[in-house]
Amino acid sequence: MLNVKDLMTQDLFTLQETDNLALARSLMDLARIRHIPIVDENMGFTGLITHRDILEATVSKLAGVDTQTQEELDRGIPVREIMNTNVKTITPDDNLRDAAGLLLEHKYGCLPVLMNGKLVGILTEADFLSLTISLIDALEEGPELR
C-alpha cells in the first residue's frame, strides 16, 4: 500500500503571514507553482495561498492599473489578508488512494502534509500526474498481458 510520504513533495517553497502579496506572486511565477503553504518560524502550518487567491486579490486590467501600480498595491497586502486558514490537511502515513479521493471529490489542488502540526510536505495534482505518467510508462515497457 502506498502512503502520502511515497509521493509528496518535500522540497517546499513557503511564506510567512507577514510576507506580502508581491512576494507570493513572484515566488509562484519563478518556481512555477500554484500553492504556497504559509508557516510560522517553526514550520507550523498556518494557512495556504493559491494562484486563485492571488488572482482574486488583483485589480482587474479593465480598471487600467499598470503593472507597476499593481506591484505597489501587492507590496502593501500581507499574505495573512488573503490566505486560506480553513485548509484540509493530511499526514505522511495517510493512504495515497484516500488522499487522491479527497483531491478529486473536493476539487482541491493540493493537500498540505503535516506531522505534529508542522509542515513536512505537500501533495498536489501534479504529483499524481507524474505518478500516472510513470505508471503508463511502466505498463508500456512491460510484457503484454495477452
N, C-alpha and C. Protein backbone atom coordinates (compact mmCIF):
# COMPACT_ATOMS: atom_id res chain seq x y z
N MET A 1 0.84 -1.17 0.00
CA MET A 1 0.00 0.00 0.00
C MET A 1 0.89 1.24 0.00
N LEU A 2 0.56 2.17 -0.87
CA LEU A 2 1.31 3.42 -0.94
C LEU A 2 0.74 4.45 0.03
N ASN A 3 1.64 5.20 0.64
CA ASN A 3 1.24 6.26 1.56
C ASN A 3 1.60 7.61 0.97
N VAL A 4 1.07 8.66 1.56
CA VAL A 4 1.31 10.03 1.11
C VAL A 4 2.81 10.31 1.06
N LYS A 5 3.57 9.83 2.04
CA LYS A 5 5.02 10.09 2.09
C LYS A 5 5.75 9.54 0.88
N ASP A 6 5.15 8.57 0.17
CA ASP A 6 5.78 7.98 -1.00
C ASP A 6 5.70 8.88 -2.23
N LEU A 7 4.84 9.88 -2.20
CA LEU A 7 4.62 10.72 -3.39
C LEU A 7 4.75 12.21 -3.11
N MET A 8 4.57 12.63 -1.89
CA MET A 8 4.52 14.06 -1.57
C MET A 8 5.83 14.77 -1.94
N THR A 9 5.71 16.05 -2.20
CA THR A 9 6.86 16.91 -2.45
C THR A 9 7.37 17.40 -1.10
N GLN A 10 8.67 17.25 -0.87
CA GLN A 10 9.25 17.66 0.40
C GLN A 10 10.09 18.92 0.29
N ASP A 11 10.55 19.25 -0.90
CA ASP A 11 11.30 20.48 -1.11
C ASP A 11 10.28 21.59 -1.34
N LEU A 12 10.00 22.33 -0.28
CA LEU A 12 8.88 23.26 -0.30
C LEU A 12 9.29 24.72 -0.40
N PHE A 13 8.45 25.48 -1.05
CA PHE A 13 8.52 26.93 -1.03
C PHE A 13 7.43 27.38 -0.07
N THR A 14 7.80 28.13 0.94
CA THR A 14 6.83 28.60 1.93
C THR A 14 6.98 30.10 2.13
N LEU A 15 5.96 30.69 2.72
CA LEU A 15 5.99 32.09 3.12
C LEU A 15 5.46 32.18 4.54
N GLN A 16 5.64 33.36 5.14
CA GLN A 16 5.06 33.63 6.45
C GLN A 16 3.93 34.65 6.28
N GLU A 17 3.07 34.74 7.28
CA GLU A 17 1.89 35.59 7.21
C GLU A 17 2.23 37.05 6.95
N THR A 18 3.40 37.49 7.38
CA THR A 18 3.78 38.89 7.22
C THR A 18 4.39 39.20 5.86
N ASP A 19 4.71 38.16 5.08
CA ASP A 19 5.20 38.40 3.72
C ASP A 19 4.07 39.01 2.90
N ASN A 20 4.44 39.68 1.82
CA ASN A 20 3.40 40.38 1.07
C ASN A 20 3.00 39.66 -0.22
N LEU A 21 1.92 40.16 -0.79
CA LEU A 21 1.35 39.56 -1.98
C LEU A 21 2.32 39.62 -3.16
N ALA A 22 3.11 40.68 -3.27
CA ALA A 22 4.08 40.79 -4.36
C ALA A 22 5.09 39.64 -4.29
N LEU A 23 5.54 39.32 -3.08
CA LEU A 23 6.48 38.22 -2.91
C LEU A 23 5.83 36.88 -3.28
N ALA A 24 4.59 36.69 -2.87
CA ALA A 24 3.86 35.46 -3.21
C ALA A 24 3.71 35.32 -4.71
N ARG A 25 3.35 36.40 -5.38
CA ARG A 25 3.18 36.37 -6.83
C ARG A 25 4.51 36.04 -7.51
N SER A 26 5.59 36.68 -7.08
CA SER A 26 6.91 36.43 -7.66
C SER A 26 7.35 34.99 -7.44
N LEU A 27 7.14 34.49 -6.23
CA LEU A 27 7.53 33.11 -5.93
C LEU A 27 6.77 32.12 -6.81
N MET A 28 5.48 32.34 -6.99
CA MET A 28 4.70 31.45 -7.85
C MET A 28 5.21 31.49 -9.28
N ASP A 29 5.51 32.69 -9.77
CA ASP A 29 5.99 32.82 -11.15
C ASP A 29 7.36 32.17 -11.32
N LEU A 30 8.28 32.46 -10.40
CA LEU A 30 9.65 31.94 -10.53
C LEU A 30 9.73 30.43 -10.33
N ALA A 31 8.99 29.91 -9.35
CA ALA A 31 9.05 28.48 -9.05
C ALA A 31 8.05 27.67 -9.88
N ARG A 32 7.19 28.37 -10.62
CA ARG A 32 6.15 27.72 -11.44
C ARG A 32 5.28 26.80 -10.58
N ILE A 33 4.75 27.38 -9.48
CA ILE A 33 3.87 26.65 -8.57
C ILE A 33 2.56 27.40 -8.43
N ARG A 34 1.53 26.71 -7.93
CA ARG A 34 0.21 27.32 -7.77
C ARG A 34 -0.28 27.34 -6.33
N HIS A 35 0.52 26.80 -5.41
CA HIS A 35 0.14 26.74 -4.00
C HIS A 35 1.35 27.05 -3.13
N ILE A 36 1.15 27.92 -2.15
CA ILE A 36 2.24 28.21 -1.22
C ILE A 36 1.73 28.04 0.21
N PRO A 37 2.27 27.07 0.94
CA PRO A 37 1.91 26.93 2.35
C PRO A 37 2.46 28.12 3.14
N ILE A 38 1.68 28.57 4.12
CA ILE A 38 2.09 29.65 4.99
C ILE A 38 2.43 29.02 6.34
N VAL A 39 3.62 29.34 6.84
CA VAL A 39 4.11 28.73 8.07
C VAL A 39 4.62 29.80 9.04
N ASP A 40 4.74 29.40 10.30
CA ASP A 40 5.37 30.29 11.28
C ASP A 40 6.87 29.99 11.29
N GLU A 41 7.60 30.62 12.20
CA GLU A 41 9.06 30.47 12.23
C GLU A 41 9.52 29.05 12.56
N ASN A 42 8.61 28.21 13.09
CA ASN A 42 8.95 26.83 13.44
C ASN A 42 8.37 25.81 12.46
N MET A 43 7.98 26.28 11.28
CA MET A 43 7.34 25.45 10.25
C MET A 43 5.96 24.96 10.66
N GLY A 44 5.35 25.61 11.65
CA GLY A 44 3.96 25.31 12.00
C GLY A 44 3.06 25.84 10.89
N PHE A 45 2.17 25.01 10.41
CA PHE A 45 1.29 25.38 9.29
C PHE A 45 0.21 26.34 9.78
N THR A 46 0.07 27.48 9.09
CA THR A 46 -0.96 28.45 9.47
C THR A 46 -1.97 28.72 8.36
N GLY A 47 -1.65 28.36 7.12
CA GLY A 47 -2.59 28.61 6.04
C GLY A 47 -1.99 28.28 4.68
N LEU A 48 -2.74 28.67 3.66
CA LEU A 48 -2.35 28.36 2.28
C LEU A 48 -2.78 29.51 1.39
N ILE A 49 -1.92 29.88 0.47
CA ILE A 49 -2.29 30.86 -0.55
C ILE A 49 -2.17 30.18 -1.90
N THR A 50 -3.16 30.39 -2.74
CA THR A 50 -3.20 29.74 -4.04
C THR A 50 -3.14 30.79 -5.15
N HIS A 51 -2.86 30.31 -6.34
CA HIS A 51 -2.86 31.18 -7.51
C HIS A 51 -4.21 31.86 -7.66
N ARG A 52 -5.26 31.14 -7.40
CA ARG A 52 -6.61 31.71 -7.49
C ARG A 52 -6.80 32.84 -6.47
N ASP A 53 -6.27 32.67 -5.26
CA ASP A 53 -6.36 33.74 -4.25
C ASP A 53 -5.68 35.01 -4.76
N ILE A 54 -4.54 34.83 -5.39
CA ILE A 54 -3.80 35.98 -5.91
C ILE A 54 -4.59 36.66 -7.04
N LEU A 55 -5.16 35.86 -7.91
CA LEU A 55 -5.96 36.44 -8.99
C LEU A 55 -7.15 37.23 -8.44
N GLU A 56 -7.79 36.70 -7.41
CA GLU A 56 -8.93 37.39 -6.81
C GLU A 56 -8.53 38.70 -6.15
N ALA A 57 -7.29 38.79 -5.68
CA ALA A 57 -6.81 39.99 -5.00
C ALA A 57 -6.22 41.02 -5.97
N THR A 58 -6.16 40.66 -7.24
CA THR A 58 -5.56 41.53 -8.25
C THR A 58 -6.61 42.46 -8.83
N VAL A 59 -6.23 43.72 -8.98
CA VAL A 59 -7.10 44.68 -9.63
C VAL A 59 -7.23 44.31 -11.10
N SER A 60 -8.44 44.32 -11.61
CA SER A 60 -8.69 43.94 -12.99
C SER A 60 -7.93 44.85 -13.96
N LYS A 61 -7.40 44.24 -15.02
CA LYS A 61 -6.73 45.02 -16.06
C LYS A 61 -7.71 46.01 -16.70
N LEU A 62 -8.99 45.70 -16.60
CA LEU A 62 -10.00 46.60 -17.15
C LEU A 62 -10.06 47.93 -16.39
N ALA A 63 -9.53 47.94 -15.18
CA ALA A 63 -9.51 49.17 -14.38
C ALA A 63 -8.38 50.10 -14.82
N GLY A 64 -7.54 49.63 -15.73
CA GLY A 64 -6.48 50.47 -16.24
C GLY A 64 -5.29 50.62 -15.32
N VAL A 65 -5.13 49.69 -14.38
CA VAL A 65 -3.99 49.75 -13.46
C VAL A 65 -2.78 49.12 -14.14
N ASP A 66 -1.69 49.88 -14.21
CA ASP A 66 -0.48 49.36 -14.85
C ASP A 66 0.24 48.39 -13.92
N THR A 67 1.21 47.68 -14.47
CA THR A 67 1.94 46.65 -13.74
C THR A 67 2.65 47.21 -12.51
N GLN A 68 3.26 48.37 -12.65
CA GLN A 68 4.00 48.96 -11.54
C GLN A 68 3.06 49.33 -10.39
N THR A 69 1.90 49.88 -10.71
CA THR A 69 0.93 50.24 -9.67
C THR A 69 0.41 48.98 -8.99
N GLN A 70 0.15 47.92 -9.77
CA GLN A 70 -0.31 46.66 -9.18
C GLN A 70 0.73 46.11 -8.22
N GLU A 71 2.01 46.19 -8.60
CA GLU A 71 3.06 45.68 -7.73
C GLU A 71 3.14 46.49 -6.44
N GLU A 72 2.97 47.79 -6.53
CA GLU A 72 2.97 48.64 -5.34
C GLU A 72 1.81 48.26 -4.42
N LEU A 73 0.65 48.03 -5.01
CA LEU A 73 -0.51 47.59 -4.22
C LEU A 73 -0.22 46.25 -3.55
N ASP A 74 0.36 45.33 -4.31
CA ASP A 74 0.67 43.99 -3.80
C ASP A 74 1.65 44.03 -2.62
N ARG A 75 2.61 44.95 -2.68
CA ARG A 75 3.59 45.06 -1.59
C ARG A 75 2.95 45.51 -0.29
N GLY A 76 1.80 46.15 -0.37
CA GLY A 76 1.12 46.62 0.83
C GLY A 76 0.11 45.64 1.40
N ILE A 77 -0.04 44.48 0.77
CA ILE A 77 -1.03 43.49 1.23
C ILE A 77 -0.29 42.29 1.84
N PRO A 78 -0.40 42.12 3.17
CA PRO A 78 0.24 40.94 3.76
C PRO A 78 -0.51 39.66 3.37
N VAL A 79 0.24 38.58 3.25
CA VAL A 79 -0.34 37.29 2.87
C VAL A 79 -1.49 36.90 3.80
N ARG A 80 -1.39 37.23 5.08
CA ARG A 80 -2.44 36.84 6.04
C ARG A 80 -3.81 37.39 5.66
N GLU A 81 -3.83 38.48 4.86
CA GLU A 81 -5.10 39.08 4.46
C GLU A 81 -5.87 38.26 3.44
N ILE A 82 -5.16 37.44 2.68
CA ILE A 82 -5.85 36.68 1.63
C ILE A 82 -5.67 35.17 1.71
N MET A 83 -4.84 34.71 2.65
CA MET A 83 -4.60 33.26 2.73
C MET A 83 -5.83 32.53 3.28
N ASN A 84 -5.91 31.26 2.93
CA ASN A 84 -6.96 30.38 3.46
C ASN A 84 -6.45 29.75 4.74
N THR A 85 -7.28 29.78 5.78
CA THR A 85 -6.89 29.15 7.04
C THR A 85 -7.69 27.88 7.32
N ASN A 86 -8.79 27.71 6.61
CA ASN A 86 -9.61 26.51 6.76
C ASN A 86 -9.21 25.53 5.66
N VAL A 87 -8.08 24.86 5.87
CA VAL A 87 -7.47 24.02 4.84
C VAL A 87 -7.45 22.57 5.31
N LYS A 88 -7.91 21.67 4.47
CA LYS A 88 -7.83 20.24 4.76
C LYS A 88 -6.37 19.82 4.66
N THR A 89 -5.89 19.12 5.67
CA THR A 89 -4.51 18.63 5.67
C THR A 89 -4.50 17.11 5.84
N ILE A 90 -3.35 16.52 5.56
CA ILE A 90 -3.18 15.08 5.70
C ILE A 90 -1.84 14.82 6.39
N THR A 91 -1.58 13.55 6.70
CA THR A 91 -0.32 13.17 7.32
C THR A 91 0.49 12.31 6.34
N PRO A 92 1.80 12.18 6.57
CA PRO A 92 2.63 11.36 5.67
C PRO A 92 2.19 9.90 5.63
N ASP A 93 1.59 9.39 6.69
CA ASP A 93 1.20 7.99 6.75
C ASP A 93 -0.20 7.71 6.23
N ASP A 94 -0.92 8.76 5.79
CA ASP A 94 -2.24 8.54 5.23
C ASP A 94 -2.13 7.75 3.92
N ASN A 95 -3.16 7.03 3.62
CA ASN A 95 -3.24 6.21 2.41
C ASN A 95 -3.28 7.12 1.19
N LEU A 96 -2.46 6.83 0.20
CA LEU A 96 -2.38 7.65 -1.00
C LEU A 96 -3.68 7.63 -1.79
N ARG A 97 -4.34 6.49 -1.82
CA ARG A 97 -5.63 6.38 -2.52
C ARG A 97 -6.66 7.29 -1.88
N ASP A 98 -6.70 7.33 -0.54
CA ASP A 98 -7.64 8.21 0.17
C ASP A 98 -7.34 9.67 -0.12
N ALA A 99 -6.06 10.03 -0.18
CA ALA A 99 -5.67 11.40 -0.48
C ALA A 99 -6.11 11.79 -1.90
N ALA A 100 -5.94 10.87 -2.85
CA ALA A 100 -6.38 11.13 -4.21
C ALA A 100 -7.89 11.34 -4.25
N GLY A 101 -8.61 10.54 -3.48
CA GLY A 101 -10.06 10.70 -3.41
C GLY A 101 -10.47 12.07 -2.87
N LEU A 102 -9.74 12.56 -1.87
CA LEU A 102 -10.03 13.89 -1.33
C LEU A 102 -9.80 14.98 -2.38
N LEU A 103 -8.67 14.89 -3.07
CA LEU A 103 -8.39 15.87 -4.12
C LEU A 103 -9.48 15.88 -5.17
N LEU A 104 -9.87 14.71 -5.61
CA LEU A 104 -10.87 14.59 -6.67
C LEU A 104 -12.25 15.02 -6.19
N GLU A 105 -12.68 14.49 -5.06
CA GLU A 105 -14.03 14.75 -4.56
C GLU A 105 -14.27 16.23 -4.25
N HIS A 106 -13.29 16.87 -3.64
CA HIS A 106 -13.48 18.25 -3.21
C HIS A 106 -12.86 19.26 -4.18
N LYS A 107 -12.25 18.74 -5.26
CA LYS A 107 -11.61 19.59 -6.27
C LYS A 107 -10.52 20.47 -5.66
N TYR A 108 -9.77 19.90 -4.71
CA TYR A 108 -8.62 20.59 -4.14
C TYR A 108 -7.47 20.50 -5.12
N GLY A 109 -6.62 21.50 -5.14
CA GLY A 109 -5.42 21.45 -5.97
C GLY A 109 -4.25 20.85 -5.23
N CYS A 110 -4.33 20.88 -3.89
CA CYS A 110 -3.25 20.33 -3.09
C CYS A 110 -3.74 20.00 -1.69
N LEU A 111 -2.94 19.23 -1.00
CA LEU A 111 -3.16 18.91 0.41
C LEU A 111 -1.84 19.10 1.15
N PRO A 112 -1.77 20.06 2.07
CA PRO A 112 -0.56 20.18 2.89
C PRO A 112 -0.41 18.94 3.76
N VAL A 113 0.82 18.50 3.94
CA VAL A 113 1.11 17.31 4.72
C VAL A 113 1.76 17.75 6.03
N LEU A 114 1.10 17.41 7.15
CA LEU A 114 1.57 17.83 8.46
C LEU A 114 1.91 16.64 9.33
N MET A 115 2.92 16.84 10.17
CA MET A 115 3.26 15.89 11.21
C MET A 115 3.40 16.70 12.50
N ASN A 116 2.54 16.41 13.46
CA ASN A 116 2.52 17.15 14.73
C ASN A 116 2.39 18.65 14.52
N GLY A 117 1.54 19.04 13.57
CA GLY A 117 1.28 20.45 13.30
C GLY A 117 2.32 21.15 12.45
N LYS A 118 3.40 20.45 12.13
CA LYS A 118 4.49 21.03 11.33
C LYS A 118 4.35 20.59 9.88
N LEU A 119 4.60 21.52 8.98
CA LEU A 119 4.55 21.22 7.55
C LEU A 119 5.76 20.38 7.16
N VAL A 120 5.51 19.21 6.57
CA VAL A 120 6.60 18.34 6.13
C VAL A 120 6.54 18.04 4.63
N GLY A 121 5.46 18.46 3.98
CA GLY A 121 5.33 18.21 2.56
C GLY A 121 4.05 18.79 2.01
N ILE A 122 3.86 18.58 0.72
CA ILE A 122 2.62 18.98 0.06
C ILE A 122 2.35 17.93 -1.03
N LEU A 123 1.10 17.60 -1.18
CA LEU A 123 0.69 16.64 -2.19
C LEU A 123 -0.21 17.39 -3.17
N THR A 124 0.17 17.40 -4.44
CA THR A 124 -0.55 18.19 -5.43
C THR A 124 -1.09 17.32 -6.57
N GLU A 125 -1.95 17.93 -7.35
CA GLU A 125 -2.45 17.25 -8.55
C GLU A 125 -1.28 16.88 -9.46
N ALA A 126 -0.29 17.75 -9.53
CA ALA A 126 0.88 17.49 -10.39
C ALA A 126 1.63 16.24 -9.94
N ASP A 127 1.67 16.01 -8.61
CA ASP A 127 2.32 14.79 -8.12
C ASP A 127 1.62 13.55 -8.67
N PHE A 128 0.29 13.61 -8.71
CA PHE A 128 -0.47 12.46 -9.22
C PHE A 128 -0.32 12.32 -10.73
N LEU A 129 -0.19 13.43 -11.44
CA LEU A 129 0.05 13.34 -12.88
C LEU A 129 1.41 12.70 -13.15
N SER A 130 2.42 13.05 -12.37
CA SER A 130 3.74 12.42 -12.52
C SER A 130 3.66 10.92 -12.26
N LEU A 131 2.91 10.54 -11.23
CA LEU A 131 2.72 9.11 -10.93
C LEU A 131 2.01 8.42 -12.08
N THR A 132 1.01 9.06 -12.63
CA THR A 132 0.26 8.48 -13.75
C THR A 132 1.18 8.25 -14.95
N ILE A 133 2.02 9.22 -15.25
CA ILE A 133 2.96 9.07 -16.38
C ILE A 133 3.91 7.90 -16.12
N SER A 134 4.41 7.80 -14.90
CA SER A 134 5.31 6.68 -14.55
C SER A 134 4.61 5.34 -14.72
N LEU A 135 3.37 5.26 -14.28
CA LEU A 135 2.61 4.01 -14.40
C LEU A 135 2.34 3.66 -15.86
N ILE A 136 2.00 4.65 -16.66
CA ILE A 136 1.77 4.41 -18.08
C ILE A 136 3.06 3.93 -18.74
N ASP A 137 4.17 4.59 -18.43
CA ASP A 137 5.47 4.17 -18.98
C ASP A 137 5.78 2.72 -18.58
N ALA A 138 5.53 2.39 -17.32
CA ALA A 138 5.81 1.02 -16.85
C ALA A 138 4.94 0.00 -17.56
N LEU A 139 3.69 0.34 -17.78
CA LEU A 139 2.78 -0.57 -18.49
C LEU A 139 3.20 -0.77 -19.95
N GLU A 140 3.65 0.32 -20.56
CA GLU A 140 4.06 0.23 -21.97
C GLU A 140 5.37 -0.52 -22.13
N GLU A 141 6.23 -0.50 -21.13
CA GLU A 141 7.52 -1.20 -21.20
C GLU A 141 7.41 -2.66 -20.81
N GLY A 142 6.38 -3.00 -20.03
CA GLY A 142 6.24 -4.36 -19.54
C GLY A 142 5.71 -5.31 -20.59
N PRO A 143 5.72 -6.60 -20.27
CA PRO A 143 5.19 -7.59 -21.23
C PRO A 143 3.70 -7.41 -21.39
N GLU A 144 3.25 -7.70 -22.60
CA GLU A 144 1.82 -7.60 -22.86
C GLU A 144 1.06 -8.65 -22.04
N LEU A 145 -0.16 -8.30 -21.70
CA LEU A 145 -0.97 -9.17 -20.85
C LEU A 145 -1.85 -10.13 -21.65
N ARG A 146 -1.59 -10.33 -22.89
CA ARG A 146 -2.44 -11.20 -23.72
C ARG A 146 -2.16 -12.63 -23.50
